Amino acid sequence: MTAALALIARIEADLAELRRLLDAPAEPEPEEWLEPSVIAYRLGIGEAYVRRLCDRGLDAGDAGVRRVGGRWLATADAIDGLRRV
C-alpha cells in the first residue's frame, strides 16, 4: 500500500509542476525581440513612447518586454497590447 501512496504522491507532484509550467507566460522567439526604434516604426508611434511602454511592461512583469544591459527589447505584440490598456 505504501508503494501505491508514494506513486500517487509523485504523480500529484508531477501534475502540480505541469500546471505551473502551463500557467507561466510563453517566452517569445528570439526573432520577435525588437528594439524600440523598429517597434515605433512598425506601429507608427514615437520611440520615446515605446520606451515608456517598455518601462511600464517591465514593471508589470510582461513576458514580451526586457532590458538587456542598457538596451530595451520587446515584441511588437507586447507594446501594442500595453498601449491598448
Protein backbone atom coordinates (compact mmCIF):
# COMPACT_ATOMS: atom_id res chain seq x y z
CA MET A 1 0.00 0.00 0.00
CA THR A 2 2.85 2.44 0.75
CA ALA A 3 4.28 1.98 -2.75
CA ALA A 4 0.91 2.97 -4.22
CA LEU A 5 0.74 6.05 -1.98
CA ALA A 6 4.27 7.02 -2.98
CA LEU A 7 3.32 6.67 -6.65
CA ILE A 8 0.22 8.81 -6.16
CA ALA A 9 2.27 11.46 -4.36
CA ARG A 10 4.81 11.50 -7.21
CA ILE A 11 2.04 11.80 -9.82
CA GLU A 12 0.43 14.67 -7.90
CA ALA A 13 3.78 16.47 -7.71
CA ASP A 14 4.29 15.99 -11.45
CA LEU A 15 0.81 17.34 -12.17
CA ALA A 16 1.47 20.37 -9.97
CA GLU A 17 4.68 21.06 -11.90
CA LEU A 18 2.87 20.74 -15.23
CA ARG A 19 0.18 23.17 -14.05
CA ARG A 20 2.89 25.63 -13.01
CA LEU A 21 4.54 25.37 -16.43
CA LEU A 22 1.24 25.89 -18.23
CA ASP A 23 0.49 28.99 -16.17
CA ALA A 24 3.89 30.54 -16.95
CA PRO A 25 3.85 33.09 -19.78
CA ALA A 26 5.29 31.85 -23.04
CA GLU A 27 8.75 33.15 -23.91
CA PRO A 28 8.82 34.93 -27.29
CA GLU A 29 11.10 33.58 -30.01
CA PRO A 30 14.46 35.38 -30.41
CA GLU A 31 13.50 36.82 -33.81
CA GLU A 32 10.45 38.50 -32.23
CA TRP A 33 12.60 40.70 -29.95
CA LEU A 34 12.90 44.18 -31.45
CA GLU A 35 14.46 47.48 -30.45
CA PRO A 36 12.18 50.43 -29.68
CA SER A 37 13.05 52.23 -32.92
CA VAL A 38 11.85 49.26 -35.01
CA ILE A 39 8.67 48.88 -32.97
CA ALA A 40 7.97 52.61 -33.21
CA TYR A 41 8.34 52.48 -36.99
CA ARG A 42 6.14 49.39 -37.35
CA LEU A 43 3.37 50.73 -35.10
CA GLY A 44 3.61 54.34 -36.27
CA ILE A 45 4.25 55.77 -32.80
CA GLY A 46 7.12 57.66 -31.20
CA GLU A 47 10.23 55.92 -29.95
CA ALA A 48 10.07 57.71 -26.58
CA TYR A 49 6.50 56.44 -26.15
CA VAL A 50 7.67 52.89 -26.92
CA ARG A 51 10.35 53.23 -24.22
CA ARG A 52 7.75 54.40 -21.69
CA LEU A 53 5.58 51.43 -22.60
CA CYS A 54 8.61 49.13 -22.21
CA ASP A 55 9.18 50.53 -18.73
CA ARG A 56 5.51 50.01 -17.86
CA GLY A 57 5.61 46.46 -19.24
CA LEU A 58 8.74 45.59 -17.31
CA ASP A 59 7.16 46.87 -14.08
CA ALA A 60 4.06 44.77 -14.80
CA GLY A 61 6.14 41.64 -15.47
CA ASP A 62 5.14 41.39 -19.13
CA ALA A 63 6.99 38.47 -20.76
CA GLY A 64 7.30 40.43 -24.01
CA VAL A 65 9.50 43.19 -22.55
CA ARG A 66 13.03 43.03 -21.20
CA ARG A 67 16.05 45.17 -20.55
CA VAL A 68 19.39 43.67 -21.62
CA GLY A 69 22.33 45.71 -20.48
CA GLY A 70 21.22 49.24 -21.27
CA ARG A 71 19.02 48.26 -24.23
CA TRP A 72 15.28 47.78 -24.30
CA LEU A 73 13.98 44.77 -26.21
CA ALA A 74 10.32 43.97 -26.71
CA THR A 75 7.89 42.31 -29.04
CA ALA A 76 5.60 44.45 -31.17
CA ASP A 77 2.60 42.49 -29.82
CA ALA A 78 3.56 43.30 -26.21
CA ILE A 79 3.90 47.01 -26.93
CA ASP A 80 0.68 47.08 -28.94
CA GLY A 81 -1.09 45.37 -26.04
CA LEU A 82 0.37 47.80 -23.49
CA ARG A 83 -0.78 50.86 -25.41
CA ARG A 84 -4.34 49.49 -25.55
CA VAL A 85 -4.51 49.19 -21.75
